[in-house]
All heavy atoms as atom14 arrays in JSON, in Angstrom:
{
  "sequence": "NDGTTRQFESQFWSPLVSETRVYHHALEHLMDALQVALALGER",
  "atom14_mask": [
    [1, 1, 1, 1, 1, 1, 1, 1, 0, 0, 0, 0, 0, 0],
    [1, 1, 1, 1, 1, 1, 1, 1, 0, 0, 0, 0, 0, 0],
    [1, 1, 1, 1, 0, 0, 0, 0, 0, 0, 0, 0, 0, 0],
    [1, 1, 1, 1, 1, 1, 1, 0, 0, 0, 0, 0, 0, 0],
    [1, 1, 1, 1, 1, 1, 1, 0, 0, 0, 0, 0, 0, 0],
    [1, 1, 1, 1, 1, 1, 1, 1, 1, 1, 1, 0, 0, 0],
    [1, 1, 1, 1, 1, 1, 1, 1, 1, 0, 0, 0, 0, 0],
    [1, 1, 1, 1, 1, 1, 1, 1, 1, 1, 1, 0, 0, 0],
    [1, 1, 1, 1, 1, 1, 1, 1, 1, 0, 0, 0, 0, 0],
    [1, 1, 1, 1, 1, 1, 0, 0, 0, 0, 0, 0, 0, 0],
    [1, 1, 1, 1, 1, 1, 1, 1, 1, 0, 0, 0, 0, 0],
    [1, 1, 1, 1, 1, 1, 1, 1, 1, 1, 1, 0, 0, 0],
    [1, 1, 1, 1, 1, 1, 1, 1, 1, 1, 1, 1, 1, 1],
    [1, 1, 1, 1, 1, 1, 0, 0, 0, 0, 0, 0, 0, 0],
    [1, 1, 1, 1, 1, 1, 1, 0, 0, 0, 0, 0, 0, 0],
    [1, 1, 1, 1, 1, 1, 1, 1, 0, 0, 0, 0, 0, 0],
    [1, 1, 1, 1, 1, 1, 1, 0, 0, 0, 0, 0, 0, 0],
    [1, 1, 1, 1, 1, 1, 0, 0, 0, 0, 0, 0, 0, 0],
    [1, 1, 1, 1, 1, 1, 1, 1, 1, 0, 0, 0, 0, 0],
    [1, 1, 1, 1, 1, 1, 1, 0, 0, 0, 0, 0, 0, 0],
    [1, 1, 1, 1, 1, 1, 1, 1, 1, 1, 1, 0, 0, 0],
    [1, 1, 1, 1, 1, 1, 1, 0, 0, 0, 0, 0, 0, 0],
    [1, 1, 1, 1, 1, 1, 1, 1, 1, 1, 1, 1, 0, 0],
    [1, 1, 1, 1, 1, 1, 1, 1, 1, 1, 0, 0, 0, 0],
    [1, 1, 1, 1, 1, 1, 1, 1, 1, 1, 0, 0, 0, 0],
    [1, 1, 1, 1, 1, 0, 0, 0, 0, 0, 0, 0, 0, 0],
    [1, 1, 1, 1, 1, 1, 1, 1, 0, 0, 0, 0, 0, 0],
    [1, 1, 1, 1, 1, 1, 1, 1, 1, 0, 0, 0, 0, 0],
    [1, 1, 1, 1, 1, 1, 1, 1, 1, 1, 0, 0, 0, 0],
    [1, 1, 1, 1, 1, 1, 1, 1, 0, 0, 0, 0, 0, 0],
    [1, 1, 1, 1, 1, 1, 1, 1, 0, 0, 0, 0, 0, 0],
    [1, 1, 1, 1, 1, 1, 1, 1, 0, 0, 0, 0, 0, 0],
    [1, 1, 1, 1, 1, 0, 0, 0, 0, 0, 0, 0, 0, 0],
    [1, 1, 1, 1, 1, 1, 1, 1, 0, 0, 0, 0, 0, 0],
    [1, 1, 1, 1, 1, 1, 1, 1, 1, 0, 0, 0, 0, 0],
    [1, 1, 1, 1, 1, 1, 1, 0, 0, 0, 0, 0, 0, 0],
    [1, 1, 1, 1, 1, 0, 0, 0, 0, 0, 0, 0, 0, 0],
    [1, 1, 1, 1, 1, 1, 1, 1, 0, 0, 0, 0, 0, 0],
    [1, 1, 1, 1, 1, 0, 0, 0, 0, 0, 0, 0, 0, 0],
    [1, 1, 1, 1, 1, 1, 1, 1, 0, 0, 0, 0, 0, 0],
    [1, 1, 1, 1, 0, 0, 0, 0, 0, 0, 0, 0, 0, 0],
    [1, 1, 1, 1, 1, 1, 1, 1, 1, 0, 0, 0, 0, 0],
    [1, 1, 1, 1, 1, 1, 1, 1, 1, 1, 1, 0, 0, 0]
  ],
  "atom14_positions": [
    [[11.03, 20.88, 12.76], [10.24, 21.53, 11.72], [11.08, 22.63, 11.09], [11.03, 23.78, 11.48], [8.94, 22.09, 12.31], [8.0, 22.57, 11.23], [8.22, 22.32, 10.06], [6.95, 23.24, 11.64], [0.0, 0.0, 0.0], [0.0, 0.0, 0.0], [0.0, 0.0, 0.0], [0.0, 0.0, 0.0], [0.0, 0.0, 0.0], [0.0, 0.0, 0.0]],
    [[11.87, 22.23, 10.1], [12.72, 23.19, 9.41], [12.8, 22.81, 7.93], [12.07, 21.95, 7.46], [14.11, 23.25, 10.05], [14.84, 21.91, 10.02], [14.34, 20.96, 9.4], [15.93, 21.83, 10.61], [0.0, 0.0, 0.0], [0.0, 0.0, 0.0], [0.0, 0.0, 0.0], [0.0, 0.0, 0.0], [0.0, 0.0, 0.0], [0.0, 0.0, 0.0]],
    [[13.68, 23.45, 7.21], [13.82, 23.18, 5.79], [14.21, 21.75, 5.49], [13.77, 21.16, 4.5], [0.0, 0.0, 0.0], [0.0, 0.0, 0.0], [0.0, 0.0, 0.0], [0.0, 0.0, 0.0], [0.0, 0.0, 0.0], [0.0, 0.0, 0.0], [0.0, 0.0, 0.0], [0.0, 0.0, 0.0], [0.0, 0.0, 0.0], [0.0, 0.0, 0.0]],
    [[15.06, 21.18, 6.34], [15.48, 19.8, 6.14], [14.3, 18.85, 6.28], [14.15, 17.9, 5.52], [16.59, 19.42, 7.15], [17.67, 20.33, 6.99], [17.07, 18.0, 6.93], [0.0, 0.0, 0.0], [0.0, 0.0, 0.0], [0.0, 0.0, 0.0], [0.0, 0.0, 0.0], [0.0, 0.0, 0.0], [0.0, 0.0, 0.0], [0.0, 0.0, 0.0]],
    [[13.44, 19.14, 7.25], [12.23, 18.32, 7.43], [11.36, 18.39, 6.18], [10.9, 17.36, 5.69], [11.4, 18.83, 8.63], [12.22, 18.91, 9.76], [10.22, 17.92, 8.91], [0.0, 0.0, 0.0], [0.0, 0.0, 0.0], [0.0, 0.0, 0.0], [0.0, 0.0, 0.0], [0.0, 0.0, 0.0], [0.0, 0.0, 0.0], [0.0, 0.0, 0.0]],
    [[11.12, 19.59, 5.71], [10.27, 19.76, 4.52], [10.89, 19.09, 3.3], [10.18, 18.49, 2.49], [9.99, 21.23, 4.29], [9.06, 21.82, 5.36], [8.69, 23.26, 5.08], [9.79, 24.18, 5.33], [10.16, 24.61, 6.54], [9.5, 24.2, 7.61], [11.16, 25.46, 6.67], [0.0, 0.0, 0.0], [0.0, 0.0, 0.0], [0.0, 0.0, 0.0]],
    [[12.19, 19.18, 3.16], [12.88, 18.53, 2.04], [12.74, 17.01, 2.14], [12.43, 16.34, 1.15], [14.35, 18.93, 2.0], [15.09, 18.3, 0.83], [16.56, 18.66, 0.83], [17.05, 19.36, 1.7], [17.28, 18.15, -0.16], [0.0, 0.0, 0.0], [0.0, 0.0, 0.0], [0.0, 0.0, 0.0], [0.0, 0.0, 0.0], [0.0, 0.0, 0.0]],
    [[12.99, 16.47, 3.32], [12.84, 15.03, 3.53], [11.41, 14.6, 3.23], [11.18, 13.58, 2.56], [13.22, 14.64, 4.96], [13.08, 13.17, 5.23], [14.11, 12.29, 4.96], [11.89, 12.66, 5.75], [13.98, 10.93, 5.2], [11.75, 11.3, 6.0], [12.79, 10.44, 5.71], [0.0, 0.0, 0.0], [0.0, 0.0, 0.0], [0.0, 0.0, 0.0]],
    [[10.47, 15.38, 3.73], [9.06, 15.04, 3.54], [8.69, 15.02, 2.06], [8.06, 14.07, 1.58], [8.17, 16.02, 4.3], [6.73, 15.6, 4.36], [5.97, 16.36, 5.42], [6.25, 17.56, 5.63], [5.09, 15.74, 6.04], [0.0, 0.0, 0.0], [0.0, 0.0, 0.0], [0.0, 0.0, 0.0], [0.0, 0.0, 0.0], [0.0, 0.0, 0.0]],
    [[9.1, 16.03, 1.31], [8.73, 16.08, -0.1], [9.5, 15.07, -0.94], [8.94, 14.48, -1.87], [8.92, 17.49, -0.67], [10.28, 17.84, -0.7], [0.0, 0.0, 0.0], [0.0, 0.0, 0.0], [0.0, 0.0, 0.0], [0.0, 0.0, 0.0], [0.0, 0.0, 0.0], [0.0, 0.0, 0.0], [0.0, 0.0, 0.0], [0.0, 0.0, 0.0]],
    [[10.76, 14.84, -0.59], [11.6, 13.95, -1.4], [11.39, 12.48, -1.06], [11.45, 11.63, -1.95], [13.06, 14.33, -1.21], [14.0, 13.63, -2.16], [15.42, 14.16, -2.03], [15.73, 15.04, -1.23], [16.32, 13.61, -2.83], [0.0, 0.0, 0.0], [0.0, 0.0, 0.0], [0.0, 0.0, 0.0], [0.0, 0.0, 0.0], [0.0, 0.0, 0.0]],
    [[11.15, 12.17, 0.21], [11.08, 10.76, 0.62], [9.74, 10.37, 1.24], [9.17, 9.34, 0.88], [12.21, 10.44, 1.61], [13.57, 10.65, 1.05], [14.33, 11.75, 1.42], [14.1, 9.76, 0.14], [15.6, 11.95, 0.89], [15.37, 9.94, -0.4], [16.12, 11.05, -0.02], [0.0, 0.0, 0.0], [0.0, 0.0, 0.0], [0.0, 0.0, 0.0]],
    [[9.28, 11.14, 2.2], [8.11, 10.72, 2.97], [6.84, 10.7, 2.13], [6.12, 9.7, 2.12], [7.92, 11.6, 4.22], [6.78, 11.12, 5.05], [5.55, 11.69, 5.17], [6.74, 9.94, 5.85], [4.75, 10.95, 5.99], [5.47, 9.86, 6.42], [7.66, 8.94, 6.12], [5.1, 8.82, 7.26], [7.29, 7.91, 6.96], [6.01, 7.86, 7.52]],
    [[6.56, 11.79, 1.43], [5.31, 11.85, 0.63], [5.25, 10.75, -0.42], [4.2, 10.1, -0.57], [5.15, 13.22, -0.01], [4.93, 14.19, 1.0], [0.0, 0.0, 0.0], [0.0, 0.0, 0.0], [0.0, 0.0, 0.0], [0.0, 0.0, 0.0], [0.0, 0.0, 0.0], [0.0, 0.0, 0.0], [0.0, 0.0, 0.0], [0.0, 0.0, 0.0]],
    [[6.35, 10.51, -1.18], [6.28, 9.36, -2.11], [6.08, 8.02, -1.41], [5.35, 7.16, -1.91], [7.65, 9.4, -2.82], [8.11, 10.8, -2.69], [7.57, 11.28, -1.36], [0.0, 0.0, 0.0], [0.0, 0.0, 0.0], [0.0, 0.0, 0.0], [0.0, 0.0, 0.0], [0.0, 0.0, 0.0], [0.0, 0.0, 0.0], [0.0, 0.0, 0.0]],
    [[6.68, 7.87, -0.24], [6.5, 6.63, 0.52], [5.05, 6.46, 0.94], [4.5, 5.35, 0.87], [7.42, 6.61, 1.74], [7.34, 5.37, 2.62], [7.73, 4.12, 1.84], [8.21, 5.54, 3.86], [0.0, 0.0, 0.0], [0.0, 0.0, 0.0], [0.0, 0.0, 0.0], [0.0, 0.0, 0.0], [0.0, 0.0, 0.0], [0.0, 0.0, 0.0]],
    [[4.42, 7.54, 1.38], [3.01, 7.48, 1.76], [2.17, 7.03, 0.57], [1.33, 6.13, 0.68], [2.52, 8.85, 2.3], [1.01, 8.88, 2.44], [3.2, 9.17, 3.63], [0.0, 0.0, 0.0], [0.0, 0.0, 0.0], [0.0, 0.0, 0.0], [0.0, 0.0, 0.0], [0.0, 0.0, 0.0], [0.0, 0.0, 0.0], [0.0, 0.0, 0.0]],
    [[2.4, 7.64, -0.59], [1.63, 7.28, -1.79], [1.85, 5.82, -2.18], [0.88, 5.09, -2.45], [2.04, 8.17, -2.95], [1.71, 9.51, -2.69], [0.0, 0.0, 0.0], [0.0, 0.0, 0.0], [0.0, 0.0, 0.0], [0.0, 0.0, 0.0], [0.0, 0.0, 0.0], [0.0, 0.0, 0.0], [0.0, 0.0, 0.0], [0.0, 0.0, 0.0]],
    [[3.1, 5.39, -2.19], [3.4, 4.01, -2.57], [2.83, 3.02, -1.56], [2.36, 1.94, -1.94], [4.91, 3.82, -2.68], [5.51, 4.54, -3.87], [7.02, 4.46, -3.91], [7.58, 3.53, -3.3], [7.63, 5.32, -4.56], [0.0, 0.0, 0.0], [0.0, 0.0, 0.0], [0.0, 0.0, 0.0], [0.0, 0.0, 0.0], [0.0, 0.0, 0.0]],
    [[2.84, 3.37, -0.3], [2.31, 2.47, 0.72], [0.8, 2.34, 0.6], [0.25, 1.24, 0.77], [2.71, 2.96, 2.12], [4.14, 3.02, 2.19], [2.2, 2.04, 3.21], [0.0, 0.0, 0.0], [0.0, 0.0, 0.0], [0.0, 0.0, 0.0], [0.0, 0.0, 0.0], [0.0, 0.0, 0.0], [0.0, 0.0, 0.0], [0.0, 0.0, 0.0]],
    [[0.12, 3.43, 0.29], [-1.33, 3.35, 0.08], [-1.66, 2.43, -1.09], [-2.58, 1.62, -1.01], [-1.91, 4.74, -0.14], [-1.97, 5.55, 1.12], [-2.58, 6.91, 0.88], [-2.57, 7.67, 2.12], [-2.43, 8.97, 2.2], [-2.29, 9.69, 1.11], [-2.42, 9.57, 3.37], [0.0, 0.0, 0.0], [0.0, 0.0, 0.0], [0.0, 0.0, 0.0]],
    [[-0.91, 2.58, -2.19], [-1.12, 1.72, -3.35], [-0.86, 0.26, -2.98], [-1.63, -0.63, -3.33], [-0.22, 2.17, -4.53], [-0.21, 1.14, -5.66], [-0.66, 3.53, -5.05], [0.0, 0.0, 0.0], [0.0, 0.0, 0.0], [0.0, 0.0, 0.0], [0.0, 0.0, 0.0], [0.0, 0.0, 0.0], [0.0, 0.0, 0.0], [0.0, 0.0, 0.0]],
    [[0.22, 0.02, -2.24], [0.57, -1.33, -1.81], [-0.54, -1.94, -0.95], [-0.96, -3.08, -1.18], [1.89, -1.3, -1.03], [2.14, -2.56, -0.23], [2.57, -3.72, -0.86], [1.93, -2.58, 1.14], [2.79, -4.88, -0.13], [2.16, -3.73, 1.87], [2.58, -4.87, 1.24], [2.78, -6.02, 1.96], [0.0, 0.0, 0.0], [0.0, 0.0, 0.0]],
    [[-1.02, -1.19, 0.04], [-2.06, -1.73, 0.92], [-3.35, -2.0, 0.14], [-4.04, -2.99, 0.4], [-2.32, -0.8, 2.1], [-1.28, -0.91, 3.16], [-0.75, 0.17, 3.81], [-0.66, -1.99, 3.7], [0.15, -0.23, 4.68], [0.23, -1.54, 4.63], [0.0, 0.0, 0.0], [0.0, 0.0, 0.0], [0.0, 0.0, 0.0], [0.0, 0.0, 0.0]],
    [[-3.67, -1.13, -0.8], [-4.87, -1.33, -1.62], [-4.71, -2.61, -2.46], [-5.63, -3.44, -2.53], [-5.08, -0.11, -2.5], [-6.33, -0.15, -3.31], [-7.58, -0.04, -2.75], [-6.53, -0.3, -4.64], [-8.49, -0.12, -3.69], [-7.88, -0.28, -4.85], [0.0, 0.0, 0.0], [0.0, 0.0, 0.0], [0.0, 0.0, 0.0], [0.0, 0.0, 0.0]],
    [[-3.54, -2.77, -3.08], [-3.3, -3.96, -3.89], [-3.29, -5.23, -3.04], [-3.83, -6.27, -3.45], [-1.97, -3.82, -4.63], [0.0, 0.0, 0.0], [0.0, 0.0, 0.0], [0.0, 0.0, 0.0], [0.0, 0.0, 0.0], [0.0, 0.0, 0.0], [0.0, 0.0, 0.0], [0.0, 0.0, 0.0], [0.0, 0.0, 0.0], [0.0, 0.0, 0.0]],
    [[-2.71, -5.14, -1.85], [-2.68, -6.29, -0.95], [-4.1, -6.69, -0.54], [-4.42, -7.87, -0.47], [-1.82, -5.98, 0.27], [-1.59, -7.11, 1.26], [-0.96, -8.32, 0.57], [-0.73, -6.63, 2.41], [0.0, 0.0, 0.0], [0.0, 0.0, 0.0], [0.0, 0.0, 0.0], [0.0, 0.0, 0.0], [0.0, 0.0, 0.0], [0.0, 0.0, 0.0]],
    [[-4.93, -5.69, -0.29], [-6.33, -5.97, 0.06], [-7.04, -6.71, -1.07], [-7.74, -7.7, -0.84], [-7.05, -4.66, 0.37], [-8.47, -4.83, 0.82], [-9.12, -3.5, 1.17], [-8.42, -2.57, 1.6], [-10.35, -3.4, 0.99], [0.0, 0.0, 0.0], [0.0, 0.0, 0.0], [0.0, 0.0, 0.0], [0.0, 0.0, 0.0], [0.0, 0.0, 0.0]],
    [[-6.83, -6.26, -2.31], [-7.45, -6.93, -3.45], [-6.89, -8.34, -3.64], [-7.64, -9.27, -3.97], [-7.26, -6.12, -4.74], [-8.17, -4.94, -4.81], [-9.53, -5.05, -5.01], [-7.92, -3.62, -4.7], [-10.08, -3.86, -5.01], [-9.12, -2.96, -4.82], [0.0, 0.0, 0.0], [0.0, 0.0, 0.0], [0.0, 0.0, 0.0], [0.0, 0.0, 0.0]],
    [[-5.61, -8.51, -3.42], [-5.01, -9.83, -3.52], [-5.61, -10.78, -2.49], [-5.95, -11.92, -2.79], [-3.49, -9.74, -3.33], [-2.74, -11.08, -3.3], [-2.92, -11.84, -4.6], [-1.27, -10.84, -3.0], [0.0, 0.0, 0.0], [0.0, 0.0, 0.0], [0.0, 0.0, 0.0], [0.0, 0.0, 0.0], [0.0, 0.0, 0.0], [0.0, 0.0, 0.0]],
    [[-5.75, -10.31, -1.25], [-6.34, -11.14, -0.2], [-7.78, -11.53, -0.54], [-8.18, -12.67, -0.33], [-6.28, -10.42, 1.15], [-4.9, -10.26, 1.7], [-4.19, -11.88, 2.07], [-2.48, -11.51, 1.94], [0.0, 0.0, 0.0], [0.0, 0.0, 0.0], [0.0, 0.0, 0.0], [0.0, 0.0, 0.0], [0.0, 0.0, 0.0], [0.0, 0.0, 0.0]],
    [[-8.52, -10.58, -1.09], [-9.9, -10.88, -1.5], [-9.91, -11.95, -2.6], [-10.71, -12.89, -2.55], [-10.6, -9.61, -2.0], [-10.89, -8.62, -0.89], [-10.82, -8.99, 0.3], [-11.16, -7.44, -1.22], [0.0, 0.0, 0.0], [0.0, 0.0, 0.0], [0.0, 0.0, 0.0], [0.0, 0.0, 0.0], [0.0, 0.0, 0.0], [0.0, 0.0, 0.0]],
    [[-9.02, -11.8, -3.58], [-8.96, -12.77, -4.67], [-8.55, -14.15, -4.16], [-9.09, -15.17, -4.6], [-7.99, -12.29, -5.75], [0.0, 0.0, 0.0], [0.0, 0.0, 0.0], [0.0, 0.0, 0.0], [0.0, 0.0, 0.0], [0.0, 0.0, 0.0], [0.0, 0.0, 0.0], [0.0, 0.0, 0.0], [0.0, 0.0, 0.0], [0.0, 0.0, 0.0]],
    [[-7.61, -14.19, -3.23], [-7.19, -15.47, -2.66], [-8.32, -16.14, -1.89], [-8.49, -17.36, -1.95], [-5.97, -15.29, -1.77], [-4.66, -14.98, -2.48], [-3.57, -14.64, -1.48], [-4.25, -16.14, -3.37], [0.0, 0.0, 0.0], [0.0, 0.0, 0.0], [0.0, 0.0, 0.0], [0.0, 0.0, 0.0], [0.0, 0.0, 0.0], [0.0, 0.0, 0.0]],
    [[-9.1, -15.35, -1.18], [-10.24, -15.93, -0.44], [-11.27, -16.5, -1.41], [-11.83, -17.58, -1.16], [-10.87, -14.88, 0.46], [-10.08, -14.65, 1.72], [-10.81, -13.78, 2.71], [-11.67, -12.97, 2.35], [-10.46, -13.92, 3.97], [0.0, 0.0, 0.0], [0.0, 0.0, 0.0], [0.0, 0.0, 0.0], [0.0, 0.0, 0.0], [0.0, 0.0, 0.0]],
    [[-11.52, -15.82, -2.51], [-12.45, -16.32, -3.5], [-11.91, -17.62, -4.09], [-12.64, -18.6, -4.24], [-12.7, -15.28, -4.62], [-13.43, -15.89, -5.8], [-13.48, -14.09, -4.06], [0.0, 0.0, 0.0], [0.0, 0.0, 0.0], [0.0, 0.0, 0.0], [0.0, 0.0, 0.0], [0.0, 0.0, 0.0], [0.0, 0.0, 0.0], [0.0, 0.0, 0.0]],
    [[-10.62, -17.64, -4.42], [-10.01, -18.84, -4.99], [-10.08, -20.01, -4.01], [-10.38, -21.15, -4.41], [-8.56, -18.55, -5.39], [0.0, 0.0, 0.0], [0.0, 0.0, 0.0], [0.0, 0.0, 0.0], [0.0, 0.0, 0.0], [0.0, 0.0, 0.0], [0.0, 0.0, 0.0], [0.0, 0.0, 0.0], [0.0, 0.0, 0.0], [0.0, 0.0, 0.0]],
    [[-9.82, -19.74, -2.76], [-9.91, -20.81, -1.75], [-11.34, -21.32, -1.61], [-11.56, -22.53, -1.49], [-9.4, -20.3, -0.4], [-7.89, -20.14, -0.28], [-7.54, -19.46, 1.04], [-7.21, -21.49, -0.36], [0.0, 0.0, 0.0], [0.0, 0.0, 0.0], [0.0, 0.0, 0.0], [0.0, 0.0, 0.0], [0.0, 0.0, 0.0], [0.0, 0.0, 0.0]],
    [[-12.29, -20.43, -1.64], [-13.69, -20.83, -1.52], [-14.11, -21.68, -2.73], [-14.83, -22.66, -2.57], [-14.59, -19.59, -1.4], [0.0, 0.0, 0.0], [0.0, 0.0, 0.0], [0.0, 0.0, 0.0], [0.0, 0.0, 0.0], [0.0, 0.0, 0.0], [0.0, 0.0, 0.0], [0.0, 0.0, 0.0], [0.0, 0.0, 0.0], [0.0, 0.0, 0.0]],
    [[-13.65, -21.31, -3.91], [-13.96, -22.08, -5.11], [-13.29, -23.46, -5.06], [-13.86, -24.44, -5.53], [-13.53, -21.33, -6.37], [-14.33, -20.08, -6.72], [-13.7, -19.34, -7.89], [-15.78, -20.43, -7.03], [0.0, 0.0, 0.0], [0.0, 0.0, 0.0], [0.0, 0.0, 0.0], [0.0, 0.0, 0.0], [0.0, 0.0, 0.0], [0.0, 0.0, 0.0]],
    [[-12.1, -23.52, -4.48], [-11.39, -24.79, -4.38], [-12.02, -25.74, -3.4], [-11.83, -26.96, -3.48], [0.0, 0.0, 0.0], [0.0, 0.0, 0.0], [0.0, 0.0, 0.0], [0.0, 0.0, 0.0], [0.0, 0.0, 0.0], [0.0, 0.0, 0.0], [0.0, 0.0, 0.0], [0.0, 0.0, 0.0], [0.0, 0.0, 0.0], [0.0, 0.0, 0.0]],
    [[-12.79, -25.21, -2.47], [-13.44, -26.04, -1.46], [-14.74, -26.65, -1.96], [-15.31, -27.49, -1.29], [-13.69, -25.22, -0.19], [-12.42, -24.82, 0.51], [-12.67, -23.9, 1.7], [-13.84, -23.49, 1.92], [-11.7, -23.58, 2.39], [0.0, 0.0, 0.0], [0.0, 0.0, 0.0], [0.0, 0.0, 0.0], [0.0, 0.0, 0.0], [0.0, 0.0, 0.0]],
    [[-15.17, -26.26, -3.12], [-16.45, -26.78, -3.64], [-16.32, -28.18, -4.13], [-15.52, -28.79, -4.55], [-16.96, -25.91, -4.78], [-17.42, -24.58, -4.31], [-18.0, -23.84, -5.45], [-18.44, -22.52, -5.01], [-19.0, -21.64, -5.79], [-19.2, -21.93, -7.04], [-19.35, -20.49, -5.35], [0.0, 0.0, 0.0], [0.0, 0.0, 0.0], [0.0, 0.0, 0.0]]
  ]
}
């Protein structure tokens, strides 16, 4: 817990956290859409 940690966190870690949340949210929506498409294809 020093200046290097804080610099790494602000420069790399925090953006990675934000991007990962967006990715997981998009992946969840993609999986939902794929399930709907599969269900429609089974009709």
